[in-house]
Amino acid sequence: MARKKNKIQSDVELDLTPMIDVVFQLIIFFMVVTQITTQDNVNLRLPDALAANEEDPQAKKIFTVHIAPLDQKKADDNLPDKFGWFCFGEGQARTADEMKLILAKMASLVDPAKEYTGLNANGISENMIYVRCDARCPAGEFARLIEMMVEAKMYKIKVGIMKDQEVTK
């Protein structure tokens, strides 16, 4: 037996306005609850300097490395036990091998829009790195970072310090 196909024509239109409203509400919701990370989220006590220059906002630093206590939850004045290298605004400290790879990559990074020129004809990086180091950090941690930078042929460095506040009487 042959079946009959019902050909029913309907004039039903689909209203997309509520769906668009829901999509916009979801976008707004995720924009509000998403945490935007910055590279300054590491808890540091910067060293004081008597003569500090104001930081040039036009400086072409490529990225920031924080040398900070591993235990970021402790906020006491005691000397922290261990320090680590933090970069890219991440809360996880990097190992020496990871830092070597990151520095090698950043040393050769070329981005004409940001004026990162990478390596020059002698194989030396023209890119600048910004280091923010905790005042309580042992000099050895800073020295290890400098040694890794030398291996990557990155010689342009800017160190973050806090300008000493003048006491007025």
C-alpha atoms as a PDB file:
ATOM      1  CA  MET A   1       0.000   0.000   0.000  1.00  0.00           C
ATOM      2  CA  ALA A   2       1.183   3.391  -0.841  1.00  0.00           C
ATOM      3  CA  ARG A   3       1.182   5.988   1.873  1.00  0.00           C
ATOM      4  CA  LYS A   4      -0.134   9.424   1.279  1.00  0.00           C
ATOM      5  CA  LYS A   5       2.091  12.325   2.120  1.00  0.00           C
ATOM      6  CA  ASN A   6       0.309  15.154   3.808  1.00  0.00           C
ATOM      7  CA  LYS A   7       1.327  18.412   2.308  1.00  0.00           C
ATOM      8  CA  ILE A   8       0.365  20.972   4.843  1.00  0.00           C
ATOM      9  CA  GLN A   9       1.586  24.447   4.263  1.00  0.00           C
ATOM     10  CA  SER A  10       1.893  26.672   7.245  1.00  0.00           C
ATOM     11  CA  ASP A  11       2.702  30.308   7.555  1.00  0.00           C
ATOM     12  CA  VAL A  12       4.723  29.921  10.735  1.00  0.00           C
ATOM     13  CA  GLU A  13       7.591  32.351  11.182  1.00  0.00           C
ATOM     14  CA  LEU A  14      10.366  31.913  13.688  1.00  0.00           C
ATOM     15  CA  ASP A  15      10.954  34.965  15.891  1.00  0.00           C
ATOM     16  CA  LEU A  16      14.678  35.179  16.679  1.00  0.00           C
ATOM     17  CA  THR A  17      14.441  38.204  18.978  1.00  0.00           C
ATOM     18  CA  PRO A  18      14.280  36.216  22.259  1.00  0.00           C
ATOM     19  CA  MET A  19      17.205  34.049  21.207  1.00  0.00           C
ATOM     20  CA  ILE A  20      19.302  37.121  20.383  1.00  0.00           C
ATOM     21  CA  ASP A  21      18.368  38.635  23.764  1.00  0.00           C
ATOM     22  CA  VAL A  22      19.512  35.493  25.552  1.00  0.00           C
ATOM     23  CA  VAL A  23      22.803  35.424  23.629  1.00  0.00           C
ATOM     24  CA  PHE A  24      23.530  39.050  24.545  1.00  0.00           C
ATOM     25  CA  GLN A  25      22.700  38.365  28.178  1.00  0.00           C
ATOM     26  CA  LEU A  26      25.104  35.407  28.185  1.00  0.00           C
ATOM     27  CA  ILE A  27      27.837  37.533  26.648  1.00  0.00           C
ATOM     28  CA  ILE A  28      27.320  40.219  29.278  1.00  0.00           C
ATOM     29  CA  PHE A  29      27.279  37.609  32.053  1.00  0.00           C
ATOM     30  CA  PHE A  30      30.581  36.074  30.967  1.00  0.00           C
ATOM     31  CA  MET A  31      32.200  39.481  30.540  1.00  0.00           C
ATOM     32  CA  VAL A  32      31.214  40.412  34.094  1.00  0.00           C
ATOM     33  CA  VAL A  33      32.314  37.191  35.806  1.00  0.00           C
ATOM     34  CA  THR A  34      35.526  36.668  33.828  1.00  0.00           C
ATOM     35  CA  GLN A  35      38.643  37.755  35.644  1.00  0.00           C
ATOM     36  CA  ILE A  36      41.004  39.696  33.461  1.00  0.00           C
ATOM     37  CA  THR A  37      44.542  38.849  34.488  1.00  0.00           C
ATOM     38  CA  THR A  38      47.364  41.315  34.499  1.00  0.00           C
ATOM     39  CA  GLN A  39      51.037  40.821  35.014  1.00  0.00           C
ATOM     40  CA  ASP A  40      51.007  42.866  38.193  1.00  0.00           C
ATOM     41  CA  ASN A  41      48.996  40.328  40.176  1.00  0.00           C
ATOM     42  CA  VAL A  42      52.045  38.948  41.998  1.00  0.00           C
ATOM     43  CA  ASN A  43      52.374  40.104  45.595  1.00  0.00           C
ATOM     44  CA  LEU A  44      55.735  41.874  45.818  1.00  0.00           C
ATOM     45  CA  ARG A  45      57.541  44.261  48.098  1.00  0.00           C
ATOM     46  CA  LEU A  46      59.731  46.179  45.675  1.00  0.00           C
ATOM     47  CA  PRO A  47      63.140  47.432  46.822  1.00  0.00           C
ATOM     48  CA  ASP A  48      63.425  51.124  47.659  1.00  0.00           C
ATOM     49  CA  ALA A  49      65.744  53.412  45.740  1.00  0.00           C
ATOM     50  CA  LEU A  50      66.814  56.925  46.659  1.00  0.00           C
ATOM     51  CA  ALA A  51      67.195  58.050  43.072  1.00  0.00           C
ATOM     52  CA  ALA A  52      64.635  56.393  40.836  1.00  0.00           C
ATOM     53  CA  ASN A  53      63.582  57.559  37.418  1.00  0.00           C
ATOM     54  CA  GLU A  54      59.920  57.617  36.484  1.00  0.00           C
ATOM     55  CA  GLU A  55      59.050  54.716  34.217  1.00  0.00           C
ATOM     56  CA  ASP A  56      58.621  55.690  30.596  1.00  0.00           C
ATOM     57  CA  PRO A  57      55.160  54.553  29.468  1.00  0.00           C
ATOM     58  CA  GLN A  58      56.494  54.340  25.896  1.00  0.00           C
ATOM     59  CA  ALA A  59      59.218  51.850  26.890  1.00  0.00           C
ATOM     60  CA  LYS A  60      59.207  48.830  24.605  1.00  0.00           C
ATOM     61  CA  LYS A  61      59.463  46.086  27.208  1.00  0.00           C
ATOM     62  CA  ILE A  62      58.513  42.723  25.845  1.00  0.00           C
ATOM     63  CA  PHE A  63      57.285  40.998  29.003  1.00  0.00           C
ATOM     64  CA  THR A  64      57.624  41.060  32.769  1.00  0.00           C
ATOM     65  CA  VAL A  65      59.248  38.476  35.022  1.00  0.00           C
ATOM     66  CA  HIS A  66      58.384  38.607  38.713  1.00  0.00           C
ATOM     67  CA  ILE A  67      60.782  37.082  41.232  1.00  0.00           C
ATOM     68  CA  ALA A  68      58.425  36.546  44.122  1.00  0.00           C
ATOM     69  CA  PRO A  69      57.749  34.238  47.071  1.00  0.00           C
ATOM     70  CA  LEU A  70      56.312  30.879  46.029  1.00  0.00           C
ATOM     71  CA  ASP A  71      53.682  31.084  48.759  1.00  0.00           C
ATOM     72  CA  GLN A  72      51.648  34.065  47.581  1.00  0.00           C
ATOM     73  CA  LYS A  73      49.007  33.568  50.290  1.00  0.00           C
ATOM     74  CA  LYS A  74      51.355  34.544  53.131  1.00  0.00           C
ATOM     75  CA  ALA A  75      51.290  38.273  53.750  1.00  0.00           C
ATOM     76  CA  ASP A  76      53.564  38.510  56.767  1.00  0.00           C
ATOM     77  CA  ASP A  77      56.835  40.416  57.048  1.00  0.00           C
ATOM     78  CA  ASN A  78      58.942  37.312  57.621  1.00  0.00           C
ATOM     79  CA  LEU A  79      61.473  36.259  55.026  1.00  0.00           C
ATOM     80  CA  PRO A  80      59.750  33.786  52.678  1.00  0.00           C
ATOM     81  CA  ASP A  81      61.257  30.322  52.394  1.00  0.00           C
ATOM     82  CA  LYS A  82      61.382  29.952  48.623  1.00  0.00           C
ATOM     83  CA  PHE A  83      61.158  32.249  45.633  1.00  0.00           C
ATOM     84  CA  GLY A  84      60.197  31.578  42.044  1.00  0.00           C
ATOM     85  CA  TRP A  85      59.916  33.181  38.626  1.00  0.00           C
ATOM     86  CA  PHE A  86      56.437  34.210  37.512  1.00  0.00           C
ATOM     87  CA  CYS A  87      55.569  35.537  34.061  1.00  0.00           C
ATOM     88  CA  PHE A  88      52.618  36.229  31.772  1.00  0.00           C
ATOM     89  CA  GLY A  89      50.391  36.974  34.772  1.00  0.00           C
ATOM     90  CA  GLU A  90      50.189  33.305  35.730  1.00  0.00           C
ATOM     91  CA  GLY A  91      50.122  32.195  39.337  1.00  0.00           C
ATOM     92  CA  GLN A  92      52.370  29.177  38.742  1.00  0.00           C
ATOM     93  CA  ALA A  93      56.121  29.620  39.192  1.00  0.00           C
ATOM     94  CA  ARG A  94      58.361  28.553  36.305  1.00  0.00           C
ATOM     95  CA  THR A  95      61.215  26.083  36.542  1.00  0.00           C
ATOM     96  CA  ALA A  96      64.695  26.945  35.282  1.00  0.00           C
ATOM     97  CA  ASP A  97      64.162  24.877  32.109  1.00  0.00           C
ATOM     98  CA  GLU A  98      60.836  26.601  31.405  1.00  0.00           C
ATOM     99  CA  MET A  99      62.402  30.023  31.925  1.00  0.00           C
ATOM    100  CA  LYS A 100      65.249  29.183  29.524  1.00  0.00           C
ATOM    101  CA  LEU A 101      62.730  28.235  26.830  1.00  0.00           C
ATOM    102  CA  ILE A 102      60.631  31.355  27.450  1.00  0.00           C
ATOM    103  CA  LEU A 103      63.663  33.639  27.354  1.00  0.00           C
ATOM    104  CA  ALA A 104      64.956  32.029  24.147  1.00  0.00           C
ATOM    105  CA  LYS A 105      61.550  32.488  22.523  1.00  0.00           C
ATOM    106  CA  MET A 106      61.187  36.086  23.701  1.00  0.00           C
ATOM    107  CA  ALA A 107      64.743  36.951  22.671  1.00  0.00           C
ATOM    108  CA  SER A 108      63.989  36.097  19.050  1.00  0.00           C
ATOM    109  CA  LEU A 109      60.410  37.442  18.969  1.00  0.00           C
ATOM    110  CA  VAL A 110      59.796  39.819  16.079  1.00  0.00           C
ATOM    111  CA  ASP A 111      56.661  41.958  16.010  1.00  0.00           C
ATOM    112  CA  PRO A 112      56.827  45.090  13.844  1.00  0.00           C
ATOM    113  CA  ALA A 113      53.577  46.430  15.329  1.00  0.00           C
ATOM    114  CA  LYS A 114      55.140  46.521  18.809  1.00  0.00           C
ATOM    115  CA  GLU A 115      58.638  47.305  17.519  1.00  0.00           C
ATOM    116  CA  TYR A 116      60.140  44.033  18.744  1.00  0.00           C
ATOM    117  CA  THR A 117      63.114  43.490  16.493  1.00  0.00           C
ATOM    118  CA  GLY A 118      64.328  40.127  17.763  1.00  0.00           C
ATOM    119  CA  LEU A 119      67.947  39.202  17.173  1.00  0.00           C
ATOM    120  CA  ASN A 120      70.390  41.589  15.502  1.00  0.00           C
ATOM    121  CA  ALA A 121      73.110  40.585  13.018  1.00  0.00           C
ATOM    122  CA  ASN A 122      75.358  39.427  15.869  1.00  0.00           C
ATOM    123  CA  GLY A 123      72.656  37.146  17.316  1.00  0.00           C
ATOM    124  CA  ILE A 124      72.013  39.462  20.283  1.00  0.00           C
ATOM    125  CA  SER A 125      68.415  40.231  21.212  1.00  0.00           C
ATOM    126  CA  GLU A 126      67.233  43.819  20.962  1.00  0.00           C
ATOM    127  CA  ASN A 127      64.110  43.048  23.007  1.00  0.00           C
ATOM    128  CA  MET A 128      63.839  44.369  26.565  1.00  0.00           C
ATOM    129  CA  ILE A 129      62.699  42.411  29.603  1.00  0.00           C
ATOM    130  CA  TYR A 130      61.218  43.997  32.729  1.00  0.00           C
ATOM    131  CA  VAL A 131      62.097  42.317  36.044  1.00  0.00           C
ATOM    132  CA  ARG A 132      60.166  43.008  39.221  1.00  0.00           C
ATOM    133  CA  CYS A 133      62.021  41.481  42.140  1.00  0.00           C
ATOM    134  CA  ASP A 134      60.871  41.255  45.753  1.00  0.00           C
ATOM    135  CA  ALA A 135      63.115  43.235  48.116  1.00  0.00           C
ATOM    136  CA  ARG A 136      63.452  40.151  50.365  1.00  0.00           C
ATOM    137  CA  CYS A 137      64.577  37.916  47.510  1.00  0.00           C
ATOM    138  CA  PRO A 138      68.073  36.441  47.797  1.00  0.00           C
ATOM    139  CA  ALA A 139      70.455  37.876  45.214  1.00  0.00           C
ATOM    140  CA  GLY A 140      71.077  34.362  43.924  1.00  0.00           C
ATOM    141  CA  GLU A 141      67.583  34.106  42.414  1.00  0.00           C
ATOM    142  CA  PHE A 142      68.082  37.361  40.534  1.00  0.00           C
ATOM    143  CA  ALA A 143      71.566  36.226  39.450  1.00  0.00           C
ATOM    144  CA  ARG A 144      70.174  32.924  38.097  1.00  0.00           C
ATOM    145  CA  LEU A 145      67.686  34.863  35.972  1.00  0.00           C
ATOM    146  CA  ILE A 146      70.475  37.100  34.662  1.00  0.00           C
ATOM    147  CA  GLU A 147      72.545  34.012  33.779  1.00  0.00           C
ATOM    148  CA  MET A 148      69.631  32.569  31.815  1.00  0.00           C
ATOM    149  CA  MET A 149      69.191  35.894  30.029  1.00  0.00           C
ATOM    150  CA  VAL A 150      72.880  35.883  29.073  1.00  0.00           C
ATOM    151  CA  GLU A 151      72.460  32.347  27.648  1.00  0.00           C
ATOM    152  CA  ALA A 152      69.537  33.635  25.557  1.00  0.00           C
ATOM    153  CA  LYS A 153      71.648  36.698  24.590  1.00  0.00           C
ATOM    154  CA  MET A 154      69.151  39.108  26.143  1.00  0.00           C
ATOM    155  CA  TYR A 155      71.116  42.008  27.561  1.00  0.00           C
ATOM    156  CA  LYS A 156      68.458  44.712  27.758  1.00  0.00           C
ATOM    157  CA  ILE A 157      66.847  44.631  31.173  1.00  0.00           C
ATOM    158  CA  LYS A 158      64.827  47.030  33.265  1.00  0.00           C
ATOM    159  CA  VAL A 159      64.473  46.371  36.989  1.00  0.00           C
ATOM    160  CA  GLY A 160      61.390  47.549  38.855  1.00  0.00           C
ATOM    161  CA  ILE A 161      62.004  49.504  42.046  1.00  0.00           C
ATOM    162  CA  MET A 162      59.895  51.665  44.310  1.00  0.00           C
ATOM    163  CA  LYS A 163      60.835  55.305  44.529  1.00  0.00           C
ATOM    164  CA  ASP A 164      61.810  56.166  48.092  1.00  0.00           C
ATOM    165  CA  GLN A 165      59.184  58.490  49.583  1.00  0.00           C
ATOM    166  CA  GLU A 166      60.659  61.732  50.871  1.00  0.00           C
ATOM    167  CA  VAL A 167      59.798  62.460  54.458  1.00  0.00           C
ATOM    168  CA  THR A 168      58.464  65.957  54.975  1.00  0.00           C
ATOM    169  CA  LYS A 169      58.773  67.639  58.369  1.00  0.00           C
END
